[in-house]
Amino acid sequence: MVEIEPKEFWDDLKWGRKHYHELAVKYTDQWVAIVNKKVVASGESIKRIRQEAIKKTGRKHIPIIFVEDASHVY
């Protein structure tokens, strides 16, 4: 059975994308976990960030995005 993320997950992900430039100032080259439209954990290890965010919030579905600075070229 496929598990679908709840609406709150998508709302937080949308908030992270909308505020990406603000996040880049404070969290450059870090993973950030977003819950209730705020950063609840950040750092270099996505595994540690996920564990920390789950422990802090009790949520199972937490959007985690990598915030990079503008110097990365693709």
PDB file of N, CA and C in Angstrom:
ATOM      1  N   MET A   1       0.837  -1.190   0.000  1.00  0.00           N
ATOM      2  CA  MET A   1       0.000   0.000   0.000  1.00  0.00           C
ATOM      3  C   MET A   1       0.880   1.252   0.000  1.00  0.00           C
ATOM      4  N   VAL A   2       0.538   2.194  -0.822  1.00  0.00           N
ATOM      5  CA  VAL A   2       1.285   3.439  -0.921  1.00  0.00           C
ATOM      6  C   VAL A   2       0.781   4.411   0.135  1.00  0.00           C
ATOM      7  N   GLU A   3       1.724   4.986   0.875  1.00  0.00           N
ATOM      8  CA  GLU A   3       1.360   5.957   1.898  1.00  0.00           C
ATOM      9  C   GLU A   3       1.533   7.362   1.324  1.00  0.00           C
ATOM     10  N   ILE A   4       0.515   8.172   1.452  1.00  0.00           N
ATOM     11  CA  ILE A   4       0.527   9.528   0.908  1.00  0.00           C
ATOM     12  C   ILE A   4       0.780  10.518   2.041  1.00  0.00           C
ATOM     13  N   GLU A   5       1.664  11.470   1.780  1.00  0.00           N
ATOM     14  CA  GLU A   5       1.964  12.478   2.789  1.00  0.00           C
ATOM     15  C   GLU A   5       0.731  13.343   3.051  1.00  0.00           C
ATOM     16  N   PRO A   6       0.537  13.742   4.317  1.00  0.00           N
ATOM     17  CA  PRO A   6      -0.621  14.580   4.656  1.00  0.00           C
ATOM     18  C   PRO A   6      -0.467  16.006   4.121  1.00  0.00           C
ATOM     19  N   LYS A   7      -1.562  16.732   4.140  1.00  0.00           N
ATOM     20  CA  LYS A   7      -1.603  18.108   3.639  1.00  0.00           C
ATOM     21  C   LYS A   7      -0.553  18.988   4.323  1.00  0.00           C
ATOM     22  N   GLU A   8      -0.328  18.788   5.615  1.00  0.00           N
ATOM     23  CA  GLU A   8       0.640  19.593   6.354  1.00  0.00           C
ATOM     24  C   GLU A   8       2.042  19.459   5.763  1.00  0.00           C
ATOM     25  N   PHE A   9       2.385  18.252   5.316  1.00  0.00           N
ATOM     26  CA  PHE A   9       3.680  18.021   4.677  1.00  0.00           C
ATOM     27  C   PHE A   9       3.827  18.925   3.461  1.00  0.00           C
ATOM     28  N   TRP A  10       2.825  18.915   2.599  1.00  0.00           N
ATOM     29  CA  TRP A  10       2.870  19.708   1.371  1.00  0.00           C
ATOM     30  C   TRP A  10       2.852  21.202   1.658  1.00  0.00           C
ATOM     31  N   ASP A  11       2.096  21.615   2.689  1.00  0.00           N
ATOM     32  CA  ASP A  11       2.071  23.030   3.071  1.00  0.00           C
ATOM     33  C   ASP A  11       3.454  23.487   3.536  1.00  0.00           C
ATOM     34  N   ASP A  12       4.120  22.657   4.344  1.00  0.00           N
ATOM     35  CA  ASP A  12       5.455  22.999   4.833  1.00  0.00           C
ATOM     36  C   ASP A  12       6.480  23.005   3.703  1.00  0.00           C
ATOM     37  N   LEU A  13       6.370  22.061   2.781  1.00  0.00           N
ATOM     38  CA  LEU A  13       7.280  22.024   1.636  1.00  0.00           C
ATOM     39  C   LEU A  13       7.099  23.277   0.776  1.00  0.00           C
ATOM     40  N   LYS A  14       5.855  23.651   0.549  1.00  0.00           N
ATOM     41  CA  LYS A  14       5.558  24.859  -0.230  1.00  0.00           C
ATOM     42  C   LYS A  14       6.133  26.096   0.467  1.00  0.00           C
ATOM     43  N   TRP A  15       6.001  26.152   1.786  1.00  0.00           N
ATOM     44  CA  TRP A  15       6.544  27.273   2.549  1.00  0.00           C
ATOM     45  C   TRP A  15       8.067  27.329   2.389  1.00  0.00           C
ATOM     46  N   GLY A  16       8.728  26.172   2.464  1.00  0.00           N
ATOM     47  CA  GLY A  16      10.179  26.118   2.306  1.00  0.00           C
ATOM     48  C   GLY A  16      10.629  26.618   0.951  1.00  0.00           C
ATOM     49  N   ARG A  17       9.907  26.244  -0.074  1.00  0.00           N
ATOM     50  CA  ARG A  17      10.249  26.704  -1.428  1.00  0.00           C
ATOM     51  C   ARG A  17      10.023  28.207  -1.574  1.00  0.00           C
ATOM     52  N   LYS A  18       8.938  28.688  -0.983  1.00  0.00           N
ATOM     53  CA  LYS A  18       8.613  30.112  -1.071  1.00  0.00           C
ATOM     54  C   LYS A  18       9.655  30.964  -0.338  1.00  0.00           C
ATOM     55  N   HIS A  19      10.184  30.456   0.763  1.00  0.00           N
ATOM     56  CA  HIS A  19      11.133  31.202   1.596  1.00  0.00           C
ATOM     57  C   HIS A  19      12.577  30.728   1.401  1.00  0.00           C
ATOM     58  N   TYR A  20      12.829  30.086   0.281  1.00  0.00           N
ATOM     59  CA  TYR A  20      14.147  29.493   0.018  1.00  0.00           C
ATOM     60  C   TYR A  20      15.288  30.512   0.139  1.00  0.00           C
ATOM     61  N   HIS A  21      15.111  31.694  -0.423  1.00  0.00           N
ATOM     62  CA  HIS A  21      16.184  32.696  -0.387  1.00  0.00           C
ATOM     63  C   HIS A  21      16.476  33.143   1.044  1.00  0.00           C
ATOM     64  N   GLU A  22      15.454  33.245   1.869  1.00  0.00           N
ATOM     65  CA  GLU A  22      15.657  33.587   3.279  1.00  0.00           C
ATOM     66  C   GLU A  22      16.390  32.454   3.996  1.00  0.00           C
ATOM     67  N   LEU A  23      16.014  31.221   3.692  1.00  0.00           N
ATOM     68  CA  LEU A  23      16.672  30.066   4.306  1.00  0.00           C
ATOM     69  C   LEU A  23      18.136  29.996   3.885  1.00  0.00           C
ATOM     70  N   ALA A  24      18.429  30.372   2.643  1.00  0.00           N
ATOM     71  CA  ALA A  24      19.796  30.307   2.128  1.00  0.00           C
ATOM     72  C   ALA A  24      20.742  31.237   2.882  1.00  0.00           C
ATOM     73  N   VAL A  25      20.222  32.314   3.423  1.00  0.00           N
ATOM     74  CA  VAL A  25      21.058  33.241   4.183  1.00  0.00           C
ATOM     75  C   VAL A  25      21.548  32.587   5.475  1.00  0.00           C
ATOM     76  N   LYS A  26      20.674  31.857   6.139  1.00  0.00           N
ATOM     77  CA  LYS A  26      21.000  31.279   7.447  1.00  0.00           C
ATOM     78  C   LYS A  26      21.469  29.827   7.375  1.00  0.00           C
ATOM     79  N   TYR A  27      21.006  29.074   6.397  1.00  0.00           N
ATOM     80  CA  TYR A  27      21.259  27.628   6.360  1.00  0.00           C
ATOM     81  C   TYR A  27      21.992  27.185   5.088  1.00  0.00           C
ATOM     82  N   THR A  28      22.910  27.991   4.593  1.00  0.00           N
ATOM     83  CA  THR A  28      23.625  27.678   3.357  1.00  0.00           C
ATOM     84  C   THR A  28      24.314  26.320   3.433  1.00  0.00           C
ATOM     85  N   ASP A  29      24.113  25.521   2.397  1.00  0.00           N
ATOM     86  CA  ASP A  29      24.713  24.186   2.265  1.00  0.00           C
ATOM     87  C   ASP A  29      24.364  23.257   3.425  1.00  0.00           C
ATOM     88  N   GLN A  30      23.123  23.354   3.885  1.00  0.00           N
ATOM     89  CA  GLN A  30      22.631  22.487   4.954  1.00  0.00           C
ATOM     90  C   GLN A  30      21.280  21.891   4.564  1.00  0.00           C
ATOM     91  N   TRP A  31      20.973  20.777   5.190  1.00  0.00           N
ATOM     92  CA  TRP A  31      19.634  20.204   5.109  1.00  0.00           C
ATOM     93  C   TRP A  31      18.786  20.883   6.163  1.00  0.00           C
ATOM     94  N   VAL A  32      17.540  21.198   5.844  1.00  0.00           N
ATOM     95  CA  VAL A  32      16.625  21.775   6.827  1.00  0.00           C
ATOM     96  C   VAL A  32      15.317  20.992   6.834  1.00  0.00           C
ATOM     97  N   ALA A  33      14.821  20.746   8.032  1.00  0.00           N
ATOM     98  CA  ALA A  33      13.531  20.085   8.222  1.00  0.00           C
ATOM     99  C   ALA A  33      12.528  21.156   8.623  1.00  0.00           C
ATOM    100  N   ILE A  34      11.371  21.144   7.973  1.00  0.00           N
ATOM    101  CA  ILE A  34      10.372  22.187   8.181  1.00  0.00           C
ATOM    102  C   ILE A  34       9.080  21.580   8.720  1.00  0.00           C
ATOM    103  N   VAL A  35       8.601  22.139   9.832  1.00  0.00           N
ATOM    104  CA  VAL A  35       7.328  21.719  10.420  1.00  0.00           C
ATOM    105  C   VAL A  35       6.585  22.974  10.863  1.00  0.00           C
ATOM    106  N   ASN A  36       5.319  23.036  10.532  1.00  0.00           N
ATOM    107  CA  ASN A  36       4.484  24.198  10.861  1.00  0.00           C
ATOM    108  C   ASN A  36       5.110  25.501  10.364  1.00  0.00           C
ATOM    109  N   LYS A  37       5.678  25.414   9.164  1.00  0.00           N
ATOM    110  CA  LYS A  37       6.239  26.586   8.483  1.00  0.00           C
ATOM    111  C   LYS A  37       7.404  27.216   9.245  1.00  0.00           C
ATOM    112  N   LYS A  38       8.202  26.377   9.904  1.00  0.00           N
ATOM    113  CA  LYS A  38       9.439  26.851  10.526  1.00  0.00           C
ATOM    114  C   LYS A  38      10.468  25.727  10.523  1.00  0.00           C
ATOM    115  N   VAL A  39      11.725  26.103  10.569  1.00  0.00           N
ATOM    116  CA  VAL A  39      12.813  25.131  10.581  1.00  0.00           C
ATOM    117  C   VAL A  39      12.920  24.546  11.986  1.00  0.00           C
ATOM    118  N   VAL A  40      12.848  23.210  12.066  1.00  0.00           N
ATOM    119  CA  VAL A  40      12.943  22.542  13.367  1.00  0.00           C
ATOM    120  C   VAL A  40      14.273  21.830  13.551  1.00  0.00           C
ATOM    121  N   ALA A  41      15.017  21.626  12.461  1.00  0.00           N
ATOM    122  CA  ALA A  41      16.336  21.000  12.538  1.00  0.00           C
ATOM    123  C   ALA A  41      17.115  21.362  11.283  1.00  0.00           C
ATOM    124  N   SER A  42      18.429  21.473  11.436  1.00  0.00           N
ATOM    125  CA  SER A  42      19.280  21.770  10.280  1.00  0.00           C
ATOM    126  C   SER A  42      20.668  21.208  10.516  1.00  0.00           C
ATOM    127  N   GLY A  43      21.367  20.941   9.416  1.00  0.00           N
ATOM    128  CA  GLY A  43      22.729  20.441   9.522  1.00  0.00           C
ATOM    129  C   GLY A  43      23.177  19.737   8.260  1.00  0.00           C
ATOM    130  N   GLU A  44      24.331  19.069   8.351  1.00  0.00           N
ATOM    131  CA  GLU A  44      24.940  18.436   7.183  1.00  0.00           C
ATOM    132  C   GLU A  44      24.479  17.007   6.944  1.00  0.00           C
ATOM    133  N   SER A  45      23.925  16.347   7.957  1.00  0.00           N
ATOM    134  CA  SER A  45      23.514  14.948   7.827  1.00  0.00           C
ATOM    135  C   SER A  45      21.992  14.839   7.721  1.00  0.00           C
ATOM    136  N   ILE A  46      21.516  14.406   6.562  1.00  0.00           N
ATOM    137  CA  ILE A  46      20.067  14.287   6.379  1.00  0.00           C
ATOM    138  C   ILE A  46      19.480  13.259   7.349  1.00  0.00           C
ATOM    139  N   LYS A  47      20.218  12.201   7.629  1.00  0.00           N
ATOM    140  CA  LYS A  47      19.735  11.170   8.557  1.00  0.00           C
ATOM    141  C   LYS A  47      19.553  11.753   9.961  1.00  0.00           C
ATOM    142  N   ARG A  48      20.554  12.508  10.430  1.00  0.00           N
ATOM    143  CA  ARG A  48      20.467  13.102  11.766  1.00  0.00           C
ATOM    144  C   ARG A  48      19.351  14.143  11.826  1.00  0.00           C
ATOM    145  N   ILE A  49      19.202  14.919  10.755  1.00  0.00           N
ATOM    146  CA  ILE A  49      18.164  15.949  10.711  1.00  0.00           C
ATOM    147  C   ILE A  49      16.782  15.309  10.790  1.00  0.00           C
ATOM    148  N   ARG A  50      16.588  14.227  10.031  1.00  0.00           N
ATOM    149  CA  ARG A  50      15.303  13.528  10.055  1.00  0.00           C
ATOM    150  C   ARG A  50      14.999  13.000  11.461  1.00  0.00           C
ATOM    151  N   GLN A  51      15.983  12.351  12.079  1.00  0.00           N
ATOM    152  CA  GLN A  51      15.792  11.802  13.426  1.00  0.00           C
ATOM    153  C   GLN A  51      15.489  12.902  14.435  1.00  0.00           C
ATOM    154  N   GLU A  52      16.234  13.995  14.365  1.00  0.00           N
ATOM    155  CA  GLU A  52      16.032  15.116  15.281  1.00  0.00           C
ATOM    156  C   GLU A  52      14.644  15.730  15.102  1.00  0.00           C
ATOM    157  N   ALA A  53      14.223  15.910  13.862  1.00  0.00           N
ATOM    158  CA  ALA A  53      12.915  16.513  13.586  1.00  0.00           C
ATOM    159  C   ALA A  53      11.778  15.615  14.071  1.00  0.00           C
ATOM    160  N   ILE A  54      11.901  14.315  13.847  1.00  0.00           N
ATOM    161  CA  ILE A  54      10.876  13.381  14.317  1.00  0.00           C
ATOM    162  C   ILE A  54      10.804  13.404  15.835  1.00  0.00           C
ATOM    163  N   LYS A  55      11.968  13.409  16.489  1.00  0.00           N
ATOM    164  CA  LYS A  55      12.016  13.432  17.958  1.00  0.00           C
ATOM    165  C   LYS A  55      11.380  14.709  18.511  1.00  0.00           C
ATOM    166  N   LYS A  56      11.669  15.843  17.873  1.00  0.00           N
ATOM    167  CA  LYS A  56      11.135  17.124  18.343  1.00  0.00           C
ATOM    168  C   LYS A  56       9.637  17.265  18.115  1.00  0.00           C
ATOM    169  N   THR A  57       9.141  16.729  16.994  1.00  0.00           N
ATOM    170  CA  THR A  57       7.761  17.015  16.597  1.00  0.00           C
ATOM    171  C   THR A  57       6.801  15.840  16.719  1.00  0.00           C
ATOM    172  N   GLY A  58       7.330  14.625  16.694  1.00  0.00           N
ATOM    173  CA  GLY A  58       6.473  13.447  16.707  1.00  0.00           C
ATOM    174  C   GLY A  58       5.839  13.146  15.359  1.00  0.00           C
ATOM    175  N   ARG A  59       6.140  13.947  14.372  1.00  0.00           N
ATOM    176  CA  ARG A  59       5.592  13.731  13.029  1.00  0.00           C
ATOM    177  C   ARG A  59       6.395  12.686  12.275  1.00  0.00           C
ATOM    178  N   LYS A  60       5.707  11.942  11.452  1.00  0.00           N
ATOM    179  CA  LYS A  60       6.349  10.926  10.621  1.00  0.00           C
ATOM    180  C   LYS A  60       6.755  11.498   9.266  1.00  0.00           C
ATOM    181  N   HIS A  61       5.942  12.375   8.735  1.00  0.00           N
ATOM    182  CA  HIS A  61       6.178  12.961   7.415  1.00  0.00           C
ATOM    183  C   HIS A  61       6.650  14.403   7.580  1.00  0.00           C
ATOM    184  N   ILE A  62       7.938  14.616   7.314  1.00  0.00           N
ATOM    185  CA  ILE A  62       8.536  15.935   7.481  1.00  0.00           C
ATOM    186  C   ILE A  62       9.323  16.281   6.221  1.00  0.00           C
ATOM    187  N   PRO A  63       9.003  17.397   5.573  1.00  0.00           N
ATOM    188  CA  PRO A  63       9.793  17.768   4.402  1.00  0.00           C
ATOM    189  C   PRO A  63      11.193  18.225   4.818  1.00  0.00           C
ATOM    190  N   ILE A  64      12.182  17.702   4.118  1.00  0.00           N
ATOM    191  CA  ILE A  64      13.571  18.084   4.347  1.00  0.00           C
ATOM    192  C   ILE A  64      14.135  18.514   2.998  1.00  0.00           C
ATOM    193  N   ILE A  65      14.667  19.719   2.971  1.00  0.00           N
ATOM    194  CA  ILE A  65      15.226  20.229   1.717  1.00  0.00           C
ATOM    195  C   ILE A  65      16.686  20.616   1.929  1.00  0.00           C
ATOM    196  N   PHE A  66      17.459  20.543   0.856  1.00  0.00           N
ATOM    197  CA  PHE A  66      18.847  20.991   0.906  1.00  0.00           C
ATOM    198  C   PHE A  66      18.895  22.424   0.414  1.00  0.00           C
ATOM    199  N   VAL A  67      19.481  23.294   1.231  1.00  0.00           N
ATOM    200  CA  VAL A  67      19.564  24.712   0.904  1.00  0.00           C
ATOM    201  C   VAL A  67      20.997  25.010   0.468  1.00  0.00           C
ATOM    202  N   GLU A  68      21.151  25.343  -0.790  1.00  0.00           N
ATOM    203  CA  GLU A  68      22.489  25.646  -1.293  1.00  0.00           C
ATOM    204  C   GLU A  68      22.597  27.106  -1.686  1.00  0.00           C
ATOM    205  N   ASP A  69      23.831  27.580  -1.724  1.00  0.00           N
ATOM    206  CA  ASP A  69      24.003  28.974  -2.128  1.00  0.00           C
ATOM    207  C   ASP A  69      24.012  29.080  -3.650  1.00  0.00           C
ATOM    208  N   ALA A  70      24.051  30.281  -4.126  1.00  0.00           N
ATOM    209  CA  ALA A  70      23.935  30.517  -5.568  1.00  0.00           C
ATOM    210  C   ALA A  70      25.189  30.140  -6.347  1.00  0.00           C
ATOM    211  N   SER A  71      26.259  29.773  -5.660  1.00  0.00           N
ATOM    212  CA  SER A  71      27.497  29.468  -6.376  1.00  0.00           C
ATOM    213  C   SER A  71      27.487  28.095  -7.034  1.00  0.00           C
ATOM    214  N   HIS A  72      26.532  27.258  -6.697  1.00  0.00           N
ATOM    215  CA  HIS A  72      26.439  25.945  -7.321  1.00  0.00           C
ATOM    216  C   HIS A  72      25.927  26.097  -8.751  1.00  0.00           C
ATOM    217  N   VAL A  73      26.632  25.514  -9.675  1.00  0.00           N
ATOM    218  CA  VAL A  73      26.263  25.612 -11.084  1.00  0.00           C
ATOM    219  C   VAL A  73      25.958  24.220 -11.607  1.00  0.00           C
ATOM    220  N   TYR A  74      24.877  24.110 -12.357  1.00  0.00           N
ATOM    221  CA  TYR A  74      24.479  22.808 -12.899  1.00  0.00           C
ATOM    222  C   TYR A  74      24.652  22.793 -14.385  1.00  0.00           C
TER     223      TYR A  74
END
